PDB file of N, CA and C in Angstrom:
ATOM      1  N   UNK A   1      43.309  40.907 126.948  1.00  0.00           N
ATOM      2  CA  UNK A   1      42.966  39.866 125.583  1.00  0.00           C
ATOM      3  C   UNK A   1      42.157  40.863 125.350  1.00  0.00           C
ATOM      4  N   UNK A   2      41.138  41.320 125.459  1.00  0.00           N
ATOM      5  CA  UNK A   2      40.460  42.044 124.446  1.00  0.00           C
ATOM      6  C   UNK A   2      42.100  43.277 124.269  1.00  0.00           C
ATOM      7  N   UNK A   3      42.399  43.636 124.998  1.00  0.00           N
ATOM      8  CA  UNK A   3      43.103  45.218 124.850  1.00  0.00           C
ATOM      9  C   UNK A   3      43.958  44.601 123.935  1.00  0.00           C
ATOM     10  N   UNK A   4      44.677  43.264 123.980  1.00  0.00           N
ATOM     11  CA  UNK A   4      45.700  43.157 123.390  1.00  0.00           C
ATOM     12  C   UNK A   4      45.391  42.081 121.539  1.00  0.00           C
ATOM     13  N   UNK A   5      44.315  42.195 121.286  1.00  0.00           N
ATOM     14  CA  UNK A   5      43.036  41.991 120.011  1.00  0.00           C
ATOM     15  C   UNK A   5      43.430  43.535 119.478  1.00  0.00           C
ATOM     16  N   UNK A   6      43.097  44.770 120.331  1.00  0.00           N
ATOM     17  CA  UNK A   6      42.627  45.598 120.103  1.00  0.00           C
ATOM     18  C   UNK A   6      44.319  46.369 119.650  1.00  0.00           C
ATOM     19  N   UNK A   7      44.856  46.700 120.328  1.00  0.00           N
ATOM     20  CA  UNK A   7      46.629  46.832 119.638  1.00  0.00           C
ATOM     21  C   UNK A   7      47.374  45.866 118.146  1.00  0.00           C
ATOM     22  N   UNK A   8      46.885  45.088 118.590  1.00  0.00           N
ATOM     23  CA  UNK A   8      47.162  44.023 116.735  1.00  0.00           C
ATOM     24  C   UNK A   8      45.906  44.370 116.098  1.00  0.00           C
ATOM     25  N   UNK A   9      45.026  44.947 115.709  1.00  0.00           N
ATOM     26  CA  UNK A   9      44.751  46.141 114.808  1.00  0.00           C
ATOM     27  C   UNK A   9      45.187  46.914 114.604  1.00  0.00           C
ATOM     28  N   UNK A  10      44.780  47.908 115.310  1.00  0.00           N
ATOM     29  CA  UNK A  10      45.340  49.183 115.838  1.00  0.00           C
ATOM     30  C   UNK A  10      47.298  48.714 114.484  1.00  0.00           C
ATOM     31  N   UNK A  11      47.695  48.429 115.390  1.00  0.00           N
ATOM     32  CA  UNK A  11      49.508  48.144 114.070  1.00  0.00           C
ATOM     33  C   UNK A  11      48.951  47.725 112.955  1.00  0.00           C
ATOM     34  N   UNK A  12      48.222  46.374 113.005  1.00  0.00           N
ATOM     35  CA  UNK A  12      47.850  46.386 111.343  1.00  0.00           C
ATOM     36  C   UNK A  12      47.321  47.050 110.271  1.00  0.00           C
ATOM     37  N   UNK A  13      46.399  47.827 110.776  1.00  0.00           N
ATOM     38  CA  UNK A  13      45.480  48.893 110.481  1.00  0.00           C
ATOM     39  C   UNK A  13      47.146  50.156 110.477  1.00  0.00           C
ATOM     40  N   UNK A  14      47.716  50.582 111.001  1.00  0.00           N
ATOM     41  CA  UNK A  14      49.001  51.953 111.140  1.00  0.00           C
ATOM     42  C   UNK A  14      49.678  50.817 109.903  1.00  0.00           C
ATOM     43  N   UNK A  15      50.257  49.285 109.866  1.00  0.00           N
ATOM     44  CA  UNK A  15      51.029  49.022 109.125  1.00  0.00           C
ATOM     45  C   UNK A  15      50.093  48.952 107.228  1.00  0.00           C
ATOM     46  N   UNK A  16      48.999  49.001 107.580  1.00  0.00           N
ATOM     47  CA  UNK A  16      48.615  48.783 106.086  1.00  0.00           C
ATOM     48  C   UNK A  16      48.618  50.119 105.485  1.00  0.00           C
ATOM     49  N   UNK A  17      48.106  51.100 106.017  1.00  0.00           N
ATOM     50  CA  UNK A  17      48.079  52.926 105.591  1.00  0.00           C
ATOM     51  C   UNK A  17      49.718  52.810 105.464  1.00  0.00           C
ATOM     52  N   UNK A  18      51.022  52.313 105.811  1.00  0.00           N
ATOM     53  CA  UNK A  18      51.984  52.769 105.728  1.00  0.00           C
ATOM     54  C   UNK A  18      52.422  52.552 104.340  1.00  0.00           C
ATOM     55  N   UNK A  19      52.118  50.716 104.517  1.00  0.00           N
ATOM     56  CA  UNK A  19      51.941  50.672 103.117  1.00  0.00           C
ATOM     57  C   UNK A  19      51.562  51.247 102.157  1.00  0.00           C
ATOM     58  N   UNK A  20      50.186  51.561 102.012  1.00  0.00           N
ATOM     59  CA  UNK A  20      49.554  51.977 101.026  1.00  0.00           C
ATOM     60  C   UNK A  20      49.631  53.243 100.538  1.00  0.00           C
ATOM     61  N   UNK A  21      50.374  53.754 101.317  1.00  0.00           N
ATOM     62  CA  UNK A  21      51.191  55.552 101.734  1.00  0.00           C
ATOM     63  C   UNK A  21      52.394  55.309 100.447  1.00  0.00           C
ATOM     64  N   UNK A  22      53.182  54.240 100.935  1.00  0.00           N
ATOM     65  CA  UNK A  22      54.409  54.331 100.153  1.00  0.00           C
ATOM     66  C   UNK A  22      54.205  54.635  98.834  1.00  0.00           C
ATOM     67  N   UNK A  23      53.342  52.970  98.204  1.00  0.00           N
ATOM     68  CA  UNK A  23      53.264  53.387  97.346  1.00  0.00           C
ATOM     69  C   UNK A  23      52.083  54.109  95.838  1.00  0.00           C
ATOM     70  N   UNK A  24      51.853  54.832  97.355  1.00  0.00           N
ATOM     71  CA  UNK A  24      51.727  55.940  95.851  1.00  0.00           C
ATOM     72  C   UNK A  24      52.072  57.275  95.176  1.00  0.00           C
ATOM     73  N   UNK A  25      53.307  57.508  95.485  1.00  0.00           N
ATOM     74  CA  UNK A  25      54.353  58.347  95.076  1.00  0.00           C
ATOM     75  C   UNK A  25      55.408  57.642  93.510  1.00  0.00           C
ATOM     76  N   UNK A  26      56.357  58.578  93.494  1.00  0.00           N
ATOM     77  CA  UNK A  26      57.250  58.130  93.044  1.00  0.00           C
ATOM     78  C   UNK A  26      57.350  58.014  91.318  1.00  0.00           C
ATOM     79  N   UNK A  27      57.718  57.385  90.667  1.00  0.00           N
ATOM     80  CA  UNK A  27      57.621  57.265  88.892  1.00  0.00           C
ATOM     81  C   UNK A  27      58.391  58.278  88.569  1.00  0.00           C
ATOM     82  N   UNK A  28      57.207  59.456  87.786  1.00  0.00           N
ATOM     83  CA  UNK A  28      57.641  60.690  87.493  1.00  0.00           C
ATOM     84  C   UNK A  28      58.027  59.730  86.133  1.00  0.00           C
ATOM     85  N   UNK A  29      57.697  59.284  85.547  1.00  0.00           N
ATOM     86  CA  UNK A  29      57.398  58.166  84.020  1.00  0.00           C
ATOM     87  C   UNK A  29      57.233  59.949  83.411  1.00  0.00           C
ATOM     88  N   UNK A  30      56.007  60.440  83.523  1.00  0.00           N
ATOM     89  CA  UNK A  30      55.333  61.276  82.900  1.00  0.00           C
ATOM     90  C   UNK A  30      54.345  60.901  82.008  1.00  0.00           C
ATOM     91  N   UNK A  31      53.600  61.403  80.786  1.00  0.00           N
ATOM     92  CA  UNK A  31      52.988  60.641  80.178  1.00  0.00           C
ATOM     93  C   UNK A  31      53.104  60.505  78.233  1.00  0.00           C
ATOM     94  N   UNK A  32      52.848  59.661  77.815  1.00  0.00           N
ATOM     95  CA  UNK A  32      53.690  59.488  76.803  1.00  0.00           C
ATOM     96  C   UNK A  32      53.604  60.835  75.876  1.00  0.00           C
ATOM     97  N   UNK A  33      54.037  60.978  75.170  1.00  0.00           N
ATOM     98  CA  UNK A  33      53.948  61.450  73.760  1.00  0.00           C
ATOM     99  C   UNK A  33      52.780  61.264  73.051  1.00  0.00           C
ATOM    100  N   UNK A  34      51.776  62.017  72.493  1.00  0.00           N
ATOM    101  CA  UNK A  34      50.954  62.738  71.868  1.00  0.00           C
ATOM    102  C   UNK A  34      51.108  62.895  70.575  1.00  0.00           C
ATOM    103  N   UNK A  35      50.591  62.291  69.610  1.00  0.00           N
ATOM    104  CA  UNK A  35      50.655  62.438  67.987  1.00  0.00           C
ATOM    105  C   UNK A  35      49.743  63.240  67.744  1.00  0.00           C
ATOM    106  N   UNK A  36      51.256  63.978  66.941  1.00  0.00           N
ATOM    107  CA  UNK A  36      50.041  64.930  66.188  1.00  0.00           C
ATOM    108  C   UNK A  36      48.650  65.359  64.917  1.00  0.00           C
ATOM    109  N   UNK A  37      48.325  66.082  65.178  1.00  0.00           N
ATOM    110  CA  UNK A  37      46.698  65.045  64.012  1.00  0.00           C
ATOM    111  C   UNK A  37      47.100  66.200  63.497  1.00  0.00           C
ATOM    112  N   UNK A  38      46.846  65.632  62.150  1.00  0.00           N
ATOM    113  CA  UNK A  38      46.884  66.720  60.428  1.00  0.00           C
ATOM    114  C   UNK A  38      45.561  67.776  60.325  1.00  0.00           C
ATOM    115  N   UNK A  39      46.210  68.326  60.037  1.00  0.00           N
ATOM    116  CA  UNK A  39      45.228  69.827  59.959  1.00  0.00           C
ATOM    117  C   UNK A  39      43.962  69.893  59.616  1.00  0.00           C
ATOM    118  N   UNK A  40      43.434  70.528  60.458  1.00  0.00           N
ATOM    119  CA  UNK A  40      41.819  70.514  60.076  1.00  0.00           C
ATOM    120  C   UNK A  40      40.926  68.951  60.552  1.00  0.00           C
ATOM    121  N   UNK A  41      41.776  68.214  60.664  1.00  0.00           N
ATOM    122  CA  UNK A  41      40.848  66.987  61.360  1.00  0.00           C
ATOM    123  C   UNK A  41      41.730  66.859  62.467  1.00  0.00           C
ATOM    124  N   UNK A  42      40.574  65.051  62.710  1.00  0.00           N
ATOM    125  CA  UNK A  42      41.256  64.763  64.854  1.00  0.00           C
ATOM    126  C   UNK A  42      42.144  63.481  64.213  1.00  0.00           C
ATOM    127  N   UNK A  43      42.715  63.083  63.054  1.00  0.00           N
ATOM    128  CA  UNK A  43      43.556  62.121  62.453  1.00  0.00           C
ATOM    129  C   UNK A  43      44.758  62.422  62.793  1.00  0.00           C
ATOM    130  N   UNK A  44      44.998  61.174  63.531  1.00  0.00           N
ATOM    131  CA  UNK A  44      46.895  61.486  63.675  1.00  0.00           C
ATOM    132  C   UNK A  44      47.170  61.692  62.436  1.00  0.00           C
ATOM    133  N   UNK A  45      48.363  61.823  62.629  1.00  0.00           N
ATOM    134  CA  UNK A  45      49.574  62.467  61.452  1.00  0.00           C
ATOM    135  C   UNK A  45      50.512  60.808  60.987  1.00  0.00           C
ATOM    136  N   UNK A  46      50.181  60.190  61.665  1.00  0.00           N
ATOM    137  CA  UNK A  46      50.753  58.722  61.908  1.00  0.00           C
ATOM    138  C   UNK A  46      50.239  57.668  61.304  1.00  0.00           C
ATOM    139  N   UNK A  47      48.701  58.109  60.710  1.00  0.00           N
ATOM    140  CA  UNK A  47      47.956  57.291  60.613  1.00  0.00           C
ATOM    141  C   UNK A  47      47.962  57.353  59.186  1.00  0.00           C
ATOM    142  N   UNK A  48      48.207  58.853  58.934  1.00  0.00           N
ATOM    143  CA  UNK A  48      47.919  59.651  57.811  1.00  0.00           C
ATOM    144  C   UNK A  48      49.690  59.040  56.541  1.00  0.00           C
ATOM    145  N   UNK A  49      50.100  59.129  57.360  1.00  0.00           N
ATOM    146  CA  UNK A  49      51.894  58.807  56.631  1.00  0.00           C
ATOM    147  C   UNK A  49      52.732  57.135  56.484  1.00  0.00           C
ATOM    148  N   UNK A  50      51.572  56.065  57.524  1.00  0.00           N
ATOM    149  CA  UNK A  50      51.649  54.993  57.413  1.00  0.00           C
ATOM    150  C   UNK A  50      50.750  54.322  57.522  1.00  0.00           C
ATOM    151  N   UNK A  51      50.852  53.142  56.770  1.00  0.00           N
ATOM    152  CA  UNK A  51      49.751  51.579  56.957  1.00  0.00           C
ATOM    153  C   UNK A  51      49.215  51.198  58.308  1.00  0.00           C
ATOM    154  N   UNK A  52      50.533  50.771  59.098  1.00  0.00           N
ATOM    155  CA  UNK A  52      50.789  50.807  60.437  1.00  0.00           C
ATOM    156  C   UNK A  52      50.236  51.317  61.397  1.00  0.00           C
ATOM    157  N   UNK A  53      49.697  53.080  60.922  1.00  0.00           N
ATOM    158  CA  UNK A  53      49.575  53.916  61.818  1.00  0.00           C
ATOM    159  C   UNK A  53      48.046  54.437  61.819  1.00  0.00           C
ATOM    160  N   UNK A  54      48.099  54.035  60.124  1.00  0.00           N
ATOM    161  CA  UNK A  54      46.566  53.987  60.370  1.00  0.00           C
ATOM    162  C   UNK A  54      45.457  52.673  60.814  1.00  0.00           C
ATOM    163  N   UNK A  55      46.286  51.451  60.540  1.00  0.00           N
ATOM    164  CA  UNK A  55      45.294  50.229  61.703  1.00  0.00           C
ATOM    165  C   UNK A  55      45.326  50.492  62.699  1.00  0.00           C
ATOM    166  N   UNK A  56      46.060  51.299  63.436  1.00  0.00           N
ATOM    167  CA  UNK A  56      46.485  51.607  65.001  1.00  0.00           C
ATOM    168  C   UNK A  56      45.452  52.596  65.318  1.00  0.00           C
ATOM    169  N   UNK A  57      44.886  53.582  64.305  1.00  0.00           N
ATOM    170  CA  UNK A  57      44.594  54.151  64.906  1.00  0.00           C
ATOM    171  C   UNK A  57      42.877  53.743  64.100  1.00  0.00           C
ATOM    172  N   UNK A  58      42.167  53.041  63.430  1.00  0.00           N
ATOM    173  CA  UNK A  58      40.932  52.918  63.536  1.00  0.00           C
ATOM    174  C   UNK A  58      41.239  51.395  64.207  1.00  0.00           C
ATOM    175  N   UNK A  59      42.118  51.089  64.965  1.00  0.00           N
ATOM    176  CA  UNK A  59      41.937  49.863  66.165  1.00  0.00           C
ATOM    177  C   UNK A  59      41.423  50.518  67.486  1.00  0.00           C
ATOM    178  N   UNK A  60      41.859  51.281  67.733  1.00  0.00           N
ATOM    179  CA  UNK A  60      41.548  52.401  68.639  1.00  0.00           C
ATOM    180  C   UNK A  60      40.317  52.745  68.665  1.00  0.00           C
ATOM    181  N   UNK A  61      40.059  53.186  67.464  1.00  0.00           N
ATOM    182  CA  UNK A  61      38.548  54.045  67.750  1.00  0.00           C
ATOM    183  C   UNK A  61      36.985  52.500  67.204  1.00  0.00           C
ATOM    184  N   UNK A  62      37.288  51.780  66.642  1.00  0.00           N
ATOM    185  CA  UNK A  62      36.738  50.716  66.567  1.00  0.00           C
ATOM    186  C   UNK A  62      36.903  50.073  67.742  1.00  0.00           C
ATOM    187  N   UNK A  63      37.208  50.235  69.414  1.00  0.00           N
ATOM    188  CA  UNK A  63      37.379  49.276  69.889  1.00  0.00           C
ATOM    189  C   UNK A  63      36.861  50.902  71.397  1.00  0.00           C
ATOM    190  N   UNK A  64      36.370  51.339  70.978  1.00  0.00           N
ATOM    191  CA  UNK A  64      36.089  53.004  71.802  1.00  0.00           C
ATOM    192  C   UNK A  64      34.838  52.153  72.239  1.00  0.00           C
ATOM    193  N   UNK A  65      34.742  51.740  73.414  1.00  0.00           N
ATOM    194  CA  UNK A  65      32.925  51.781  74.008  1.00  0.00           C
ATOM    195  C   UNK A  65      32.163  52.593  73.813  1.00  0.00           C
ATOM    196  N   UNK A  66      32.297  54.472  74.270  1.00  0.00           N
ATOM    197  CA  UNK A  66      31.723  55.346  74.662  1.00  0.00           C
ATOM    198  C   UNK A  66      30.458  56.201  73.476  1.00  0.00           C
ATOM    199  N   UNK A  67      29.385  55.819  74.296  1.00  0.00           N
ATOM    200  CA  UNK A  67      28.934  55.919  72.048  1.00  0.00           C
ATOM    201  C   UNK A  67      28.563  57.381  71.966  1.00  0.00           C
ATOM    202  N   UNK A  68      28.563  58.336  73.507  1.00  0.00           N
ATOM    203  CA  UNK A  68      28.681  59.414  73.574  1.00  0.00           C
ATOM    204  C   UNK A  68      29.616  60.514  73.144  1.00  0.00           C
ATOM    205  N   UNK A  69      30.753  59.609  73.453  1.00  0.00           N
ATOM    206  CA  UNK A  69      32.029  60.902  72.378  1.00  0.00           C
ATOM    207  C   UNK A  69      31.558  61.714  71.126  1.00  0.00           C
ATOM    208  N   UNK A  70      32.418  62.434  71.280  1.00  0.00           N
ATOM    209  CA  UNK A  70      32.106  63.624  70.259  1.00  0.00           C
ATOM    210  C   UNK A  70      32.810  62.580  68.767  1.00  0.00           C
ATOM    211  N   UNK A  71      32.230  63.532  67.482  1.00  0.00           N
ATOM    212  CA  UNK A  71      32.390  62.572  66.643  1.00  0.00           C
ATOM    213  C   UNK A  71      33.433  63.474  66.063  1.00  0.00           C
ATOM    214  N   UNK A  72      33.865  62.302  65.455  1.00  0.00           N
ATOM    215  CA  UNK A  72      36.188  62.760  64.818  1.00  0.00           C
ATOM    216  C   UNK A  72      35.817  63.597  63.615  1.00  0.00           C
ATOM    217  N   UNK A  73      36.278  65.027  63.842  1.00  0.00           N
ATOM    218  CA  UNK A  73      36.501  65.543  62.397  1.00  0.00           C
ATOM    219  C   UNK A  73      37.452  65.158  61.354  1.00  0.00           C
ATOM    220  N   UNK A  74      36.801  64.875  59.828  1.00  0.00           N
ATOM    221  CA  UNK A  74      38.063  63.950  59.477  1.00  0.00           C
ATOM    222  C   UNK A  74      38.725  65.269  58.765  1.00  0.00           C
ATOM    223  N   UNK A  75      38.047  66.240  57.855  1.00  0.00           N
ATOM    224  CA  UNK A  75      38.396  66.759  57.607  1.00  0.00           C
ATOM    225  C   UNK A  75      38.967  66.579  55.351  1.00  0.00           C
ATOM    226  N   UNK A  76      40.055  66.754  55.181  1.00  0.00           N
ATOM    227  CA  UNK A  76      40.406  66.362  54.464  1.00  0.00           C
ATOM    228  C   UNK A  76      41.131  64.747  54.340  1.00  0.00           C
ATOM    229  N   UNK A  77      41.991  65.214  55.758  1.00  0.00           N
ATOM    230  CA  UNK A  77      42.804  63.648  56.298  1.00  0.00           C
ATOM    231  C   UNK A  77      42.474  62.465  54.952  1.00  0.00           C
ATOM    232  N   UNK A  78      43.247  61.487  55.020  1.00  0.00           N
ATOM    233  CA  UNK A  78      43.054  60.490  53.862  1.00  0.00           C
ATOM    234  C   UNK A  78      44.516  59.439  55.022  1.00  0.00           C
ATOM    235  N   UNK A  79      43.759  58.287  55.325  1.00  0.00           N
ATOM    236  CA  UNK A  79      44.526  57.124  55.837  1.00  0.00           C
ATOM    237  C   UNK A  79      45.171  57.078  55.027  1.00  0.00           C
ATOM    238  N   UNK A  80      46.141  56.004  55.121  1.00  0.00           N
ATOM    239  CA  UNK A  80      47.360  56.124  54.643  1.00  0.00           C
ATOM    240  C   UNK A  80      46.984  54.242  54.065  1.00  0.00           C
ATOM    241  N   UNK A  81      47.745  54.338  52.956  1.00  0.00           N
ATOM    242  CA  UNK A  81      47.809  53.059  52.964  1.00  0.00           C
ATOM    243  C   UNK A  81      48.756  51.761  52.002  1.00  0.00           C
ATOM    244  N   UNK A  82      49.014  50.990  51.876  1.00  0.00           N
ATOM    245  CA  UNK A  82      51.121  50.209  50.801  1.00  0.00           C
ATOM    246  C   UNK A  82      49.562  49.084  50.347  1.00  0.00           C
ATOM    247  N   UNK A  83      50.741  49.124  49.538  1.00  0.00           N
ATOM    248  CA  UNK A  83      50.899  47.972  48.519  1.00  0.00           C
ATOM    249  C   UNK A  83      51.764  46.714  48.657  1.00  0.00           C
ATOM    250  N   UNK A  84      52.645  46.841  49.224  1.00  0.00           N
ATOM    251  CA  UNK A  84      53.558  46.030  49.843  1.00  0.00           C
ATOM    252  C   UNK A  84      53.587  45.863  50.976  1.00  0.00           C
ATOM    253  N   UNK A  85      52.957  46.070  52.042  1.00  0.00           N
ATOM    254  CA  UNK A  85      53.186  45.591  53.717  1.00  0.00           C
ATOM    255  C   UNK A  85      51.969  44.950  53.340  1.00  0.00           C
ATOM    256  N   UNK A  86      52.651  43.844  54.424  1.00  0.00           N
ATOM    257  CA  UNK A  86      51.545  41.893  54.937  1.00  0.00           C
ATOM    258  C   UNK A  86      50.671  43.114  55.409  1.00  0.00           C
ATOM    259  N   UNK A  87      49.359  42.092  55.030  1.00  0.00           N
ATOM    260  CA  UNK A  87      48.475  42.381  56.278  1.00  0.00           C
ATOM    261  C   UNK A  87      48.634  41.991  57.617  1.00  0.00           C
ATOM    262  N   UNK A  88      48.099  42.633  58.398  1.00  0.00           N
ATOM    263  CA  UNK A  88      48.259  42.589  59.988  1.00  0.00           C
ATOM    264  C   UNK A  88      47.167  41.018  60.191  1.00  0.00           C
ATOM    265  N   UNK A  89      47.387  40.478  60.993  1.00  0.00           N
ATOM    266  CA  UNK A  89      46.093  39.638  62.021  1.00  0.00           C
ATOM    267  C   UNK A  89      45.292  40.657  62.529  1.00  0.00           C
ATOM    268  N   UNK A  90      44.041  40.243  62.579  1.00  0.00           N
ATOM    269  CA  UNK A  90      42.804  40.979  62.786  1.00  0.00           C
ATOM    270  C   UNK A  90      42.604  40.337  63.742  1.00  0.00           C
TER     271      UNK A  90
END
């Protein structure tokens, strides 16, 4: 009886390991393209060319919880604004 239980545990462990190993590979999607930064700053170009890009950038920076991160270099970059775009919900 005890050997039967040990055999079941062995096969269950082996099946679990095989399933975990099968889930680990593939995909090959690569990483998302990185938005280039404006010269002399850490501000992405999209944040300087569209108000939606600026809003996305500021939301990303504001939601960062890492208080030990390096400060952003702003340089001469200016966030884009728009007089015609509708306001985004906060």
